[in-house]
């Protein structure tokens, strides 16, 4: 039997990239999956179609998780659709690197509203919906919280906040059998990272040169770690900040 059979999962920001890979992997392991999106309905429906074609269960749902009311509606709709909630993967996020002199209020607010506020209120709603059986909250962070790059002060700060929230909520929710962990990808081959590589400067090449496994990550490299943390096999793991970056430090 697949290791997530009978579980219901919500994956935020799952219309492409790492989020899409996570949704597909959780469904492959037997979970019924809500594929959340904020702007790309077409992308989310494509992910759902792929999951269903492989015999899995999934539904696309729109919500801007930076708005608490929409985050709560997403969780409520997931419970209404599949009858329960076991797993929340906080994957929705944005990144933009700017040098200090170019940082604006708009840049700061956008980063923190989605990367921190969205995560916190989606988790608040999910924790209220998870039943006595317990569950798992998995936050997708970044190695930028461990080694902030030049120009990444605001982005790195949001991911450092994610790490702190992860540890705090693990301590708070442990008595309810809700596990809270974070997975920290290094560079992963997604549209956004490819755009950075195309922008020049050799940033991605520099990171790969510092990666012992000698390559850029693939979305499934992250998805399989998340799938493990969502399973009962990870029942003794909480409050952990887990790099998934090929050894990059």
C-alpha atoms as a PDB file:
ATOM      1  CA  UNK A   1       0.000   0.000   0.000  1.00  0.00           C
ATOM      2  CA  UNK A   2       1.253   3.486  -0.829  1.00  0.00           C
ATOM      3  CA  UNK A   3       2.564   5.324   2.217  1.00  0.00           C
ATOM      4  CA  UNK A   4       0.061   8.214   2.052  1.00  0.00           C
ATOM      5  CA  UNK A   5      -3.074   6.212   1.287  1.00  0.00           C
ATOM      6  CA  UNK A   6      -6.108   7.778   2.969  1.00  0.00           C
ATOM      7  CA  UNK A   7      -4.411  11.106   3.673  1.00  0.00           C
ATOM      8  CA  UNK A   8      -5.573  14.482   2.358  1.00  0.00           C
ATOM      9  CA  UNK A   9      -2.997  17.126   1.480  1.00  0.00           C
ATOM     10  CA  UNK A  10      -3.088  20.784   0.487  1.00  0.00           C
ATOM     11  CA  UNK A  11      -0.108  22.100  -1.486  1.00  0.00           C
ATOM     12  CA  UNK A  12       0.006  25.877  -1.883  1.00  0.00           C
ATOM     13  CA  UNK A  13       1.539  27.390  -4.995  1.00  0.00           C
ATOM     14  CA  UNK A  14       1.303  24.060  -6.795  1.00  0.00           C
ATOM     15  CA  UNK A  15       0.624  25.096 -10.384  1.00  0.00           C
ATOM     16  CA  UNK A  16       4.262  24.705 -11.480  1.00  0.00           C
ATOM     17  CA  UNK A  17       7.820  23.988 -10.391  1.00  0.00           C
ATOM     18  CA  UNK A  18       8.514  22.490  -6.979  1.00  0.00           C
ATOM     19  CA  UNK A  19       4.879  22.783  -5.878  1.00  0.00           C
ATOM     20  CA  UNK A  20       3.627  20.829  -8.880  1.00  0.00           C
ATOM     21  CA  UNK A  21       6.210  18.107  -8.292  1.00  0.00           C
ATOM     22  CA  UNK A  22       5.196  17.875  -4.635  1.00  0.00           C
ATOM     23  CA  UNK A  23       1.507  17.575  -5.501  1.00  0.00           C
ATOM     24  CA  UNK A  24       2.249  14.834  -8.033  1.00  0.00           C
ATOM     25  CA  UNK A  25       4.495  12.916  -5.623  1.00  0.00           C
ATOM     26  CA  UNK A  26       1.974  13.045  -2.761  1.00  0.00           C
ATOM     27  CA  UNK A  27      -0.762  11.812  -5.098  1.00  0.00           C
ATOM     28  CA  UNK A  28       1.517   9.048  -6.394  1.00  0.00           C
ATOM     29  CA  UNK A  29       1.893   7.880  -2.786  1.00  0.00           C
ATOM     30  CA  UNK A  30      -1.879   7.727  -2.336  1.00  0.00           C
ATOM     31  CA  UNK A  31      -2.897  11.129  -0.955  1.00  0.00           C
ATOM     32  CA  UNK A  32      -5.877  13.092  -2.210  1.00  0.00           C
ATOM     33  CA  UNK A  33      -4.368  16.455  -3.127  1.00  0.00           C
ATOM     34  CA  UNK A  34      -5.628  20.019  -3.349  1.00  0.00           C
ATOM     35  CA  UNK A  35      -3.553  21.837  -5.972  1.00  0.00           C
ATOM     36  CA  UNK A  36      -3.659  25.479  -4.905  1.00  0.00           C
ATOM     37  CA  UNK A  37      -2.891  28.349  -7.251  1.00  0.00           C
ATOM     38  CA  UNK A  38      -3.075  32.132  -7.064  1.00  0.00           C
ATOM     39  CA  UNK A  39      -2.912  33.107 -10.741  1.00  0.00           C
ATOM     40  CA  UNK A  40      -2.355  30.134 -13.070  1.00  0.00           C
ATOM     41  CA  UNK A  41      -5.583  28.161 -13.250  1.00  0.00           C
ATOM     42  CA  UNK A  42      -4.346  26.542 -16.453  1.00  0.00           C
ATOM     43  CA  UNK A  43      -1.164  25.320 -14.792  1.00  0.00           C
ATOM     44  CA  UNK A  44      -3.036  23.956 -11.781  1.00  0.00           C
ATOM     45  CA  UNK A  45      -5.562  22.123 -13.952  1.00  0.00           C
ATOM     46  CA  UNK A  46      -2.694  20.590 -15.931  1.00  0.00           C
ATOM     47  CA  UNK A  47      -1.210  19.251 -12.694  1.00  0.00           C
ATOM     48  CA  UNK A  48      -4.596  17.841 -11.674  1.00  0.00           C
ATOM     49  CA  UNK A  49      -5.021  16.211 -15.085  1.00  0.00           C
ATOM     50  CA  UNK A  50      -1.607  14.574 -14.793  1.00  0.00           C
ATOM     51  CA  UNK A  51      -2.425  13.247 -11.325  1.00  0.00           C
ATOM     52  CA  UNK A  52      -5.780  11.860 -12.443  1.00  0.00           C
ATOM     53  CA  UNK A  53      -4.255  10.273 -15.542  1.00  0.00           C
ATOM     54  CA  UNK A  54      -1.940   8.346 -13.213  1.00  0.00           C
ATOM     55  CA  UNK A  55      -4.913   7.153 -11.144  1.00  0.00           C
ATOM     56  CA  UNK A  56      -4.685   9.707  -8.334  1.00  0.00           C
ATOM     57  CA  UNK A  57      -7.170  12.106  -6.776  1.00  0.00           C
ATOM     58  CA  UNK A  58      -6.770  15.875  -7.003  1.00  0.00           C
ATOM     59  CA  UNK A  59      -8.636  19.137  -7.391  1.00  0.00           C
ATOM     60  CA  UNK A  60      -7.418  22.626  -8.254  1.00  0.00           C
ATOM     61  CA  UNK A  61      -8.458  25.437  -5.913  1.00  0.00           C
ATOM     62  CA  UNK A  62      -7.779  29.148  -6.181  1.00  0.00           C
ATOM     63  CA  UNK A  63      -6.647  31.152  -3.150  1.00  0.00           C
ATOM     64  CA  UNK A  64      -4.239  33.977  -2.448  1.00  0.00           C
ATOM     65  CA  UNK A  65      -2.871  32.700   0.849  1.00  0.00           C
ATOM     66  CA  UNK A  66      -1.450  36.136   1.715  1.00  0.00           C
ATOM     67  CA  UNK A  67      -5.091  37.038   2.449  1.00  0.00           C
ATOM     68  CA  UNK A  68      -6.127  35.265   5.675  1.00  0.00           C
ATOM     69  CA  UNK A  69      -9.766  34.874   4.630  1.00  0.00           C
ATOM     70  CA  UNK A  70      -8.744  33.151   1.407  1.00  0.00           C
ATOM     71  CA  UNK A  71      -6.262  30.925   3.216  1.00  0.00           C
ATOM     72  CA  UNK A  72      -9.021  29.789   5.567  1.00  0.00           C
ATOM     73  CA  UNK A  73     -11.440  29.238   2.688  1.00  0.00           C
ATOM     74  CA  UNK A  74      -8.842  27.067   0.948  1.00  0.00           C
ATOM     75  CA  UNK A  75      -8.524  24.803   3.971  1.00  0.00           C
ATOM     76  CA  UNK A  76     -12.276  24.715   4.574  1.00  0.00           C
ATOM     77  CA  UNK A  77     -12.864  23.796   0.924  1.00  0.00           C
ATOM     78  CA  UNK A  78     -10.279  21.026   1.118  1.00  0.00           C
ATOM     79  CA  UNK A  79     -12.059  19.494   4.102  1.00  0.00           C
ATOM     80  CA  UNK A  80     -15.404  19.875   2.350  1.00  0.00           C
ATOM     81  CA  UNK A  81     -14.045  18.198  -0.792  1.00  0.00           C
ATOM     82  CA  UNK A  82     -12.195  15.252   0.760  1.00  0.00           C
ATOM     83  CA  UNK A  83     -13.608  15.021   4.289  1.00  0.00           C
ATOM     84  CA  UNK A  84     -10.481  15.707   6.344  1.00  0.00           C
ATOM     85  CA  UNK A  85      -7.022  17.292   6.335  1.00  0.00           C
ATOM     86  CA  UNK A  86      -3.742  15.574   7.189  1.00  0.00           C
ATOM     87  CA  UNK A  87      -1.002  17.506   5.416  1.00  0.00           C
ATOM     88  CA  UNK A  88      -0.314  21.130   4.525  1.00  0.00           C
ATOM     89  CA  UNK A  89       2.680  21.967   2.344  1.00  0.00           C
ATOM     90  CA  UNK A  90       3.418  25.697   2.472  1.00  0.00           C
ATOM     91  CA  UNK A  91       5.142  26.035  -0.880  1.00  0.00           C
ATOM     92  CA  UNK A  92       3.679  29.312  -2.187  1.00  0.00           C
ATOM     93  CA  UNK A  93       6.369  31.935  -2.310  1.00  0.00           C
ATOM     94  CA  UNK A  94       8.022  34.634  -4.363  1.00  0.00           C
ATOM     95  CA  UNK A  95      11.592  35.785  -4.684  1.00  0.00           C
ATOM     96  CA  UNK A  96      13.337  38.802  -6.092  1.00  0.00           C
ATOM     97  CA  UNK A  97      16.886  39.894  -5.416  1.00  0.00           C
ATOM     98  CA  UNK A  98      17.588  43.622  -5.102  1.00  0.00           C
ATOM     99  CA  UNK A  99      20.610  45.503  -3.775  1.00  0.00           C
ATOM    100  CA  UNK A 100      20.038  47.602  -0.677  1.00  0.00           C
ATOM    101  CA  UNK A 101      19.723  50.871  -2.556  1.00  0.00           C
ATOM    102  CA  UNK A 102      16.887  49.545  -4.732  1.00  0.00           C
ATOM    103  CA  UNK A 103      14.705  48.000  -2.004  1.00  0.00           C
ATOM    104  CA  UNK A 104      11.246  49.580  -1.848  1.00  0.00           C
ATOM    105  CA  UNK A 105       8.264  49.206   0.463  1.00  0.00           C
ATOM    106  CA  UNK A 106       6.456  47.360  -2.317  1.00  0.00           C
ATOM    107  CA  UNK A 107       9.290  44.838  -2.634  1.00  0.00           C
ATOM    108  CA  UNK A 108       9.446  44.326   1.136  1.00  0.00           C
ATOM    109  CA  UNK A 109       5.671  43.960   1.559  1.00  0.00           C
ATOM    110  CA  UNK A 110       5.285  41.563  -1.370  1.00  0.00           C
ATOM    111  CA  UNK A 111       7.988  39.259  -0.038  1.00  0.00           C
ATOM    112  CA  UNK A 112       6.745  39.177   3.540  1.00  0.00           C
ATOM    113  CA  UNK A 113       3.029  39.058   2.670  1.00  0.00           C
ATOM    114  CA  UNK A 114       3.362  35.877   0.641  1.00  0.00           C
ATOM    115  CA  UNK A 115       6.411  34.160   2.115  1.00  0.00           C
ATOM    116  CA  UNK A 116       5.615  34.772   5.792  1.00  0.00           C
ATOM    117  CA  UNK A 117       2.074  36.068   6.271  1.00  0.00           C
ATOM    118  CA  UNK A 118       0.648  33.551   3.799  1.00  0.00           C
ATOM    119  CA  UNK A 119       2.457  30.646   5.429  1.00  0.00           C
ATOM    120  CA  UNK A 120       1.368  31.668   8.921  1.00  0.00           C
ATOM    121  CA  UNK A 121      -2.335  32.077   8.172  1.00  0.00           C
ATOM    122  CA  UNK A 122      -2.549  28.966   5.996  1.00  0.00           C
ATOM    123  CA  UNK A 123      -0.985  27.061   8.887  1.00  0.00           C
ATOM    124  CA  UNK A 124      -3.383  28.640  11.372  1.00  0.00           C
ATOM    125  CA  UNK A 125      -6.348  27.429   9.323  1.00  0.00           C
ATOM    126  CA  UNK A 126      -4.834  23.986   8.745  1.00  0.00           C
ATOM    127  CA  UNK A 127      -3.997  23.428  12.417  1.00  0.00           C
ATOM    128  CA  UNK A 128      -7.615  24.193  13.315  1.00  0.00           C
ATOM    129  CA  UNK A 129      -8.841  21.696  10.704  1.00  0.00           C
ATOM    130  CA  UNK A 130      -6.517  18.778  11.484  1.00  0.00           C
ATOM    131  CA  UNK A 131      -8.289  16.258  13.663  1.00  0.00           C
ATOM    132  CA  UNK A 132      -7.262  14.136  16.642  1.00  0.00           C
ATOM    133  CA  UNK A 133      -5.271  11.856  14.348  1.00  0.00           C
ATOM    134  CA  UNK A 134      -2.672  14.596  14.006  1.00  0.00           C
ATOM    135  CA  UNK A 135      -0.969  15.680  10.828  1.00  0.00           C
ATOM    136  CA  UNK A 136       2.006  17.289   9.194  1.00  0.00           C
ATOM    137  CA  UNK A 137       2.885  20.861   8.223  1.00  0.00           C
ATOM    138  CA  UNK A 138       5.815  21.084   5.812  1.00  0.00           C
ATOM    139  CA  UNK A 139       7.277  24.493   4.985  1.00  0.00           C
ATOM    140  CA  UNK A 140       9.350  24.980   1.857  1.00  0.00           C
ATOM    141  CA  UNK A 141      12.156  27.324   2.783  1.00  0.00           C
ATOM    142  CA  UNK A 142      15.477  28.060   1.098  1.00  0.00           C
ATOM    143  CA  UNK A 143      19.178  27.668   1.683  1.00  0.00           C
ATOM    144  CA  UNK A 144      19.187  31.474   1.481  1.00  0.00           C
ATOM    145  CA  UNK A 145      18.182  31.456   5.157  1.00  0.00           C
ATOM    146  CA  UNK A 146      21.456  29.697   5.977  1.00  0.00           C
ATOM    147  CA  UNK A 147      23.762  31.565   3.600  1.00  0.00           C
ATOM    148  CA  UNK A 148      22.098  34.824   2.493  1.00  0.00           C
ATOM    149  CA  UNK A 149      23.458  35.940  -0.890  1.00  0.00           C
ATOM    150  CA  UNK A 150      24.242  39.524  -1.922  1.00  0.00           C
ATOM    151  CA  UNK A 151      21.066  41.294  -2.966  1.00  0.00           C
ATOM    152  CA  UNK A 152      18.926  38.797  -1.090  1.00  0.00           C
ATOM    153  CA  UNK A 153      18.477  40.593   2.222  1.00  0.00           C
ATOM    154  CA  UNK A 154      14.680  40.736   2.145  1.00  0.00           C
ATOM    155  CA  UNK A 155      14.136  37.324   0.559  1.00  0.00           C
ATOM    156  CA  UNK A 156      16.607  35.688   2.934  1.00  0.00           C
ATOM    157  CA  UNK A 157      14.898  37.392   5.883  1.00  0.00           C
ATOM    158  CA  UNK A 158      11.553  35.880   4.880  1.00  0.00           C
ATOM    159  CA  UNK A 159      13.094  32.430   4.737  1.00  0.00           C
ATOM    160  CA  UNK A 160      14.833  32.908   8.077  1.00  0.00           C
ATOM    161  CA  UNK A 161      11.417  33.838   9.479  1.00  0.00           C
ATOM    162  CA  UNK A 162      10.057  30.595   8.012  1.00  0.00           C
ATOM    163  CA  UNK A 163      12.717  28.625   9.885  1.00  0.00           C
ATOM    164  CA  UNK A 164      11.853  30.365  13.165  1.00  0.00           C
ATOM    165  CA  UNK A 165       8.111  29.837  12.657  1.00  0.00           C
ATOM    166  CA  UNK A 166       8.745  26.164  11.931  1.00  0.00           C
ATOM    167  CA  UNK A 167      10.578  25.609  15.199  1.00  0.00           C
ATOM    168  CA  UNK A 168       8.115  27.642  17.255  1.00  0.00           C
ATOM    169  CA  UNK A 169       5.020  25.914  15.871  1.00  0.00           C
ATOM    170  CA  UNK A 170       6.618  22.485  16.243  1.00  0.00           C
ATOM    171  CA  UNK A 171       6.948  23.195  19.964  1.00  0.00           C
ATOM    172  CA  UNK A 172       3.430  24.606  20.159  1.00  0.00           C
ATOM    173  CA  UNK A 173       1.587  21.943  18.157  1.00  0.00           C
ATOM    174  CA  UNK A 174       3.449  18.822  19.220  1.00  0.00           C
ATOM    175  CA  UNK A 175       0.946  18.017  21.952  1.00  0.00           C
ATOM    176  CA  UNK A 176      -1.719  17.768  19.231  1.00  0.00           C
ATOM    177  CA  UNK A 177       0.399  15.319  17.212  1.00  0.00           C
ATOM    178  CA  UNK A 178       0.933  17.933  14.493  1.00  0.00           C
ATOM    179  CA  UNK A 179       4.475  17.741  13.133  1.00  0.00           C
ATOM    180  CA  UNK A 180       6.048  20.891  11.700  1.00  0.00           C
ATOM    181  CA  UNK A 181       9.210  20.758   9.599  1.00  0.00           C
ATOM    182  CA  UNK A 182      10.940  22.785   6.907  1.00  0.00           C
ATOM    183  CA  UNK A 183      12.691  21.639   3.745  1.00  0.00           C
ATOM    184  CA  UNK A 184      15.352  23.978   2.370  1.00  0.00           C
ATOM    185  CA  UNK A 185      16.081  23.574  -1.349  1.00  0.00           C
ATOM    186  CA  UNK A 186      19.213  24.915  -2.951  1.00  0.00           C
ATOM    187  CA  UNK A 187      19.028  25.913  -6.612  1.00  0.00           C
ATOM    188  CA  UNK A 188      16.365  23.822  -8.357  1.00  0.00           C
ATOM    189  CA  UNK A 189      15.665  23.723 -12.076  1.00  0.00           C
ATOM    190  CA  UNK A 190      12.462  25.753 -12.300  1.00  0.00           C
ATOM    191  CA  UNK A 191      11.324  28.590 -14.543  1.00  0.00           C
ATOM    192  CA  UNK A 192      12.405  31.184 -11.996  1.00  0.00           C
ATOM    193  CA  UNK A 193      15.894  29.779 -11.536  1.00  0.00           C
ATOM    194  CA  UNK A 194      16.297  29.425 -15.287  1.00  0.00           C
ATOM    195  CA  UNK A 195      15.431  33.115 -15.672  1.00  0.00           C
ATOM    196  CA  UNK A 196      18.129  33.971 -13.124  1.00  0.00           C
ATOM    197  CA  UNK A 197      20.637  31.849 -15.027  1.00  0.00           C
ATOM    198  CA  UNK A 198      19.712  33.573 -18.283  1.00  0.00           C
ATOM    199  CA  UNK A 199      20.243  36.933 -16.595  1.00  0.00           C
ATOM    200  CA  UNK A 200      23.989  36.346 -16.543  1.00  0.00           C
ATOM    201  CA  UNK A 201      26.462  36.841 -13.746  1.00  0.00           C
ATOM    202  CA  UNK A 202      27.114  33.129 -13.325  1.00  0.00           C
ATOM    203  CA  UNK A 203      25.122  32.994 -10.060  1.00  0.00           C
ATOM    204  CA  UNK A 204      23.708  29.510 -10.624  1.00  0.00           C
ATOM    205  CA  UNK A 205      27.017  28.167 -11.942  1.00  0.00           C
ATOM    206  CA  UNK A 206      28.727  29.402  -8.780  1.00  0.00           C
ATOM    207  CA  UNK A 207      26.207  27.570  -6.601  1.00  0.00           C
ATOM    208  CA  UNK A 208      26.590  24.352  -8.588  1.00  0.00           C
ATOM    209  CA  UNK A 209      30.382  24.594  -8.225  1.00  0.00           C
ATOM    210  CA  UNK A 210      29.882  24.634  -4.440  1.00  0.00           C
ATOM    211  CA  UNK A 211      27.514  21.634  -4.510  1.00  0.00           C
ATOM    212  CA  UNK A 212      29.246  18.313  -3.731  1.00  0.00           C
ATOM    213  CA  UNK A 213      26.818  16.368  -5.917  1.00  0.00           C
ATOM    214  CA  UNK A 214      27.773  18.633  -8.816  1.00  0.00           C
ATOM    215  CA  UNK A 215      24.425  19.511 -10.347  1.00  0.00           C
ATOM    216  CA  UNK A 216      21.386  21.709  -9.969  1.00  0.00           C
ATOM    217  CA  UNK A 217      18.440  20.152  -8.150  1.00  0.00           C
ATOM    218  CA  UNK A 218      15.296  18.849  -9.819  1.00  0.00           C
ATOM    219  CA  UNK A 219      11.792  19.481  -8.449  1.00  0.00           C
ATOM    220  CA  UNK A 220      11.345  15.784  -7.619  1.00  0.00           C
ATOM    221  CA  UNK A 221      14.474  15.907  -5.435  1.00  0.00           C
ATOM    222  CA  UNK A 222      12.466  18.134  -3.102  1.00  0.00           C
ATOM    223  CA  UNK A 223       9.146  16.348  -3.589  1.00  0.00           C
ATOM    224  CA  UNK A 224      10.421  12.997  -2.345  1.00  0.00           C
ATOM    225  CA  UNK A 225      11.719  14.558   0.880  1.00  0.00           C
ATOM    226  CA  UNK A 226       8.329  16.212   1.427  1.00  0.00           C
ATOM    227  CA  UNK A 227       6.546  12.924   0.742  1.00  0.00           C
ATOM    228  CA  UNK A 228       8.626  11.207   3.427  1.00  0.00           C
ATOM    229  CA  UNK A 229       7.897  13.964   5.967  1.00  0.00           C
ATOM    230  CA  UNK A 230       4.167  13.676   5.192  1.00  0.00           C
ATOM    231  CA  UNK A 231       4.199   9.936   5.885  1.00  0.00           C
ATOM    232  CA  UNK A 232       3.901   7.991   9.107  1.00  0.00           C
ATOM    233  CA  UNK A 233       7.555   6.981   8.662  1.00  0.00           C
ATOM    234  CA  UNK A 234       8.480  10.522   9.789  1.00  0.00           C
ATOM    235  CA  UNK A 235       6.354  10.347  12.929  1.00  0.00           C
ATOM    236  CA  UNK A 236       9.322  11.087  15.244  1.00  0.00           C
ATOM    237  CA  UNK A 237      10.544  14.117  13.295  1.00  0.00           C
ATOM    238  CA  UNK A 238       9.405  17.644  14.126  1.00  0.00           C
ATOM    239  CA  UNK A 239      10.943  21.090  14.450  1.00  0.00           C
ATOM    240  CA  UNK A 240      13.654  20.200  11.949  1.00  0.00           C
ATOM    241  CA  UNK A 241      15.157  22.449   9.290  1.00  0.00           C
ATOM    242  CA  UNK A 242      16.257  20.015   6.582  1.00  0.00           C
ATOM    243  CA  UNK A 243      18.494  21.112   3.696  1.00  0.00           C
ATOM    244  CA  UNK A 244      17.777  19.317   0.406  1.00  0.00           C
ATOM    245  CA  UNK A 245      20.518  20.874  -1.660  1.00  0.00           C
ATOM    246  CA  UNK A 246      23.017  18.246  -2.763  1.00  0.00           C
ATOM    247  CA  UNK A 247      25.375  19.162   0.065  1.00  0.00           C
ATOM    248  CA  UNK A 248      25.464  22.892  -0.721  1.00  0.00           C
ATOM    249  CA  UNK A 249      26.412  24.976   2.325  1.00  0.00           C
END
